[in-house]
Amino acid sequence: MNVAGLCHPLRHDFYVSHPPALIYCLDDCTCWPYGDPRRATRTIGQQRYCWIVWKHGHLGPTVLRWATFRQPQTLRIVECPRCISTESGMSV
């Protein structure tokens, strides 16, 4: 989802009543139209995205983490608030 979508006033009540367990802010993930960067407008290229994770039965606050795709073949997760980095081993 586009990060700006997290702040949309029409989604506020949904997020409050169904809080996600986890949100990953992605540093370098661009969604190209039809997978083709040449079709992207400047606005599309400047958007930033996040992954929103819901877990059945989750109660409590949402955890926010940062993720980087800059390392080939690995999604690096940076834990917050202690800023401890771990390797997930997930392929991209």
C-alpha atoms as a PDB file:
ATOM      1  CA  MET A   1       0.000   0.000   0.000  1.00  0.00           C
ATOM      2  CA  ASN A   2       1.097   3.552  -0.614  1.00  0.00           C
ATOM      3  CA  VAL A   3       2.327   5.015   2.694  1.00  0.00           C
ATOM      4  CA  ALA A   4      -0.014   7.993   2.273  1.00  0.00           C
ATOM      5  CA  GLY A   5      -2.930   5.541   2.397  1.00  0.00           C
ATOM      6  CA  LEU A   6      -2.168   4.874   6.063  1.00  0.00           C
ATOM      7  CA  CYS A   7      -3.162   8.454   6.873  1.00  0.00           C
ATOM      8  CA  HIS A   8      -6.304   8.662   4.747  1.00  0.00           C
ATOM      9  CA  PRO A   9      -9.255   9.950   6.825  1.00  0.00           C
ATOM     10  CA  LEU A  10     -11.650   7.401   5.312  1.00  0.00           C
ATOM     11  CA  ARG A  11      -9.462   4.543   6.589  1.00  0.00           C
ATOM     12  CA  HIS A  12      -9.012   5.873  10.136  1.00  0.00           C
ATOM     13  CA  ASP A  13     -11.992   4.092  11.708  1.00  0.00           C
ATOM     14  CA  PHE A  14     -11.042   0.791  10.063  1.00  0.00           C
ATOM     15  CA  TYR A  15      -7.437   0.920  11.329  1.00  0.00           C
ATOM     16  CA  VAL A  16      -8.590   1.873  14.833  1.00  0.00           C
ATOM     17  CA  SER A  17     -11.140  -0.955  15.003  1.00  0.00           C
ATOM     18  CA  HIS A  18      -8.898  -3.508  13.209  1.00  0.00           C
ATOM     19  CA  PRO A  19      -5.311  -2.521  14.055  1.00  0.00           C
ATOM     20  CA  PRO A  20      -2.641  -4.235  11.993  1.00  0.00           C
ATOM     21  CA  ALA A  21      -0.104  -6.246  13.969  1.00  0.00           C
ATOM     22  CA  LEU A  22       2.829  -4.981  11.938  1.00  0.00           C
ATOM     23  CA  ILE A  23       3.688  -2.402   9.278  1.00  0.00           C
ATOM     24  CA  TYR A  24       6.905  -2.631   7.246  1.00  0.00           C
ATOM     25  CA  CYS A  25       8.018   0.658   5.663  1.00  0.00           C
ATOM     26  CA  LEU A  26       9.836  -0.210   2.432  1.00  0.00           C
ATOM     27  CA  ASP A  27      12.820   1.881   1.381  1.00  0.00           C
ATOM     28  CA  ASP A  28      13.194   0.977  -2.256  1.00  0.00           C
ATOM     29  CA  CYS A  29      10.081  -0.677  -3.645  1.00  0.00           C
ATOM     30  CA  THR A  30       8.565   0.888  -6.724  1.00  0.00           C
ATOM     31  CA  CYS A  31       5.493  -0.525  -8.415  1.00  0.00           C
ATOM     32  CA  TRP A  32       5.945   0.034 -12.123  1.00  0.00           C
ATOM     33  CA  PRO A  33       2.875   0.031 -14.393  1.00  0.00           C
ATOM     34  CA  TYR A  34       2.783  -3.414 -16.014  1.00  0.00           C
ATOM     35  CA  GLY A  35       6.321  -3.979 -14.662  1.00  0.00           C
ATOM     36  CA  ASP A  36       7.724  -1.382 -17.096  1.00  0.00           C
ATOM     37  CA  PRO A  37       9.588   1.615 -15.598  1.00  0.00           C
ATOM     38  CA  ARG A  38       9.254   3.500 -18.901  1.00  0.00           C
ATOM     39  CA  ARG A  39       5.462   3.702 -18.351  1.00  0.00           C
ATOM     40  CA  ALA A  40       5.810   5.361 -14.952  1.00  0.00           C
ATOM     41  CA  THR A  41       4.971   8.979 -14.433  1.00  0.00           C
ATOM     42  CA  ARG A  42       7.104  11.056 -12.101  1.00  0.00           C
ATOM     43  CA  THR A  43       4.398  10.793  -9.427  1.00  0.00           C
ATOM     44  CA  ILE A  44       4.446   6.984  -9.523  1.00  0.00           C
ATOM     45  CA  GLY A  45       8.231   6.916  -9.221  1.00  0.00           C
ATOM     46  CA  GLN A  46       8.125   9.102  -6.105  1.00  0.00           C
ATOM     47  CA  GLN A  47       5.563   7.056  -4.164  1.00  0.00           C
ATOM     48  CA  ARG A  48       6.677   5.009  -1.189  1.00  0.00           C
ATOM     49  CA  TYR A  49       5.051   1.789  -0.050  1.00  0.00           C
ATOM     50  CA  CYS A  50       4.524  -0.333   3.022  1.00  0.00           C
ATOM     51  CA  TRP A  51       3.381  -3.858   3.803  1.00  0.00           C
ATOM     52  CA  ILE A  52       0.546  -4.066   6.300  1.00  0.00           C
ATOM     53  CA  VAL A  53       0.226  -7.319   8.257  1.00  0.00           C
ATOM     54  CA  TRP A  54      -2.870  -8.357  10.191  1.00  0.00           C
ATOM     55  CA  LYS A  55      -2.830 -11.348  12.533  1.00  0.00           C
ATOM     56  CA  HIS A  56      -6.047 -13.033  13.615  1.00  0.00           C
ATOM     57  CA  GLY A  57      -6.790 -12.164  17.213  1.00  0.00           C
ATOM     58  CA  HIS A  58      -4.185  -9.385  17.408  1.00  0.00           C
ATOM     59  CA  LEU A  59      -4.810  -6.950  20.247  1.00  0.00           C
ATOM     60  CA  GLY A  60      -2.612  -4.030  21.168  1.00  0.00           C
ATOM     61  CA  PRO A  61      -0.496  -1.497  19.359  1.00  0.00           C
ATOM     62  CA  THR A  62       0.828  -1.824  15.832  1.00  0.00           C
ATOM     63  CA  VAL A  63       4.577  -2.445  15.495  1.00  0.00           C
ATOM     64  CA  LEU A  64       6.364  -0.322  12.880  1.00  0.00           C
ATOM     65  CA  ARG A  65       9.529  -1.631  11.233  1.00  0.00           C
ATOM     66  CA  TRP A  66      11.724  -0.551   8.365  1.00  0.00           C
ATOM     67  CA  ALA A  67      12.733  -2.911   5.571  1.00  0.00           C
ATOM     68  CA  THR A  68      15.354  -2.498   2.889  1.00  0.00           C
ATOM     69  CA  PHE A  69      15.588  -4.142  -0.520  1.00  0.00           C
ATOM     70  CA  ARG A  70      19.015  -2.683  -1.295  1.00  0.00           C
ATOM     71  CA  GLN A  71      20.851  -5.915  -0.550  1.00  0.00           C
ATOM     72  CA  PRO A  72      20.509  -8.431  -3.396  1.00  0.00           C
ATOM     73  CA  GLN A  73      18.288 -11.468  -2.727  1.00  0.00           C
ATOM     74  CA  THR A  74      17.637 -10.527   0.909  1.00  0.00           C
ATOM     75  CA  LEU A  75      14.998  -8.498   2.674  1.00  0.00           C
ATOM     76  CA  ARG A  76      16.728  -6.847   5.625  1.00  0.00           C
ATOM     77  CA  ILE A  77      14.424  -5.988   8.520  1.00  0.00           C
ATOM     78  CA  VAL A  78      15.458  -3.238  10.926  1.00  0.00           C
ATOM     79  CA  GLU A  79      13.737  -3.655  14.283  1.00  0.00           C
ATOM     80  CA  CYS A  80      12.243  -0.634  15.985  1.00  0.00           C
ATOM     81  CA  PRO A  81      12.453   0.982  18.532  1.00  0.00           C
ATOM     82  CA  ARG A  82      15.748  -0.641  19.559  1.00  0.00           C
ATOM     83  CA  CYS A  83      17.162  -0.489  15.996  1.00  0.00           C
ATOM     84  CA  ILE A  84      18.460  -4.069  16.045  1.00  0.00           C
ATOM     85  CA  SER A  85      18.926  -5.410  12.540  1.00  0.00           C
ATOM     86  CA  THR A  86      18.191  -9.008  11.588  1.00  0.00           C
ATOM     87  CA  GLU A  87      18.304 -10.903   8.345  1.00  0.00           C
ATOM     88  CA  SER A  88      15.053 -12.575   7.416  1.00  0.00           C
ATOM     89  CA  GLY A  89      16.473 -14.690   4.600  1.00  0.00           C
ATOM     90  CA  MET A  90      13.416 -13.917   2.455  1.00  0.00           C
ATOM     91  CA  SER A  91      14.067 -13.932  -1.266  1.00  0.00           C
ATOM     92  CA  VAL A  92      12.961 -10.983  -3.333  1.00  0.00           C
END
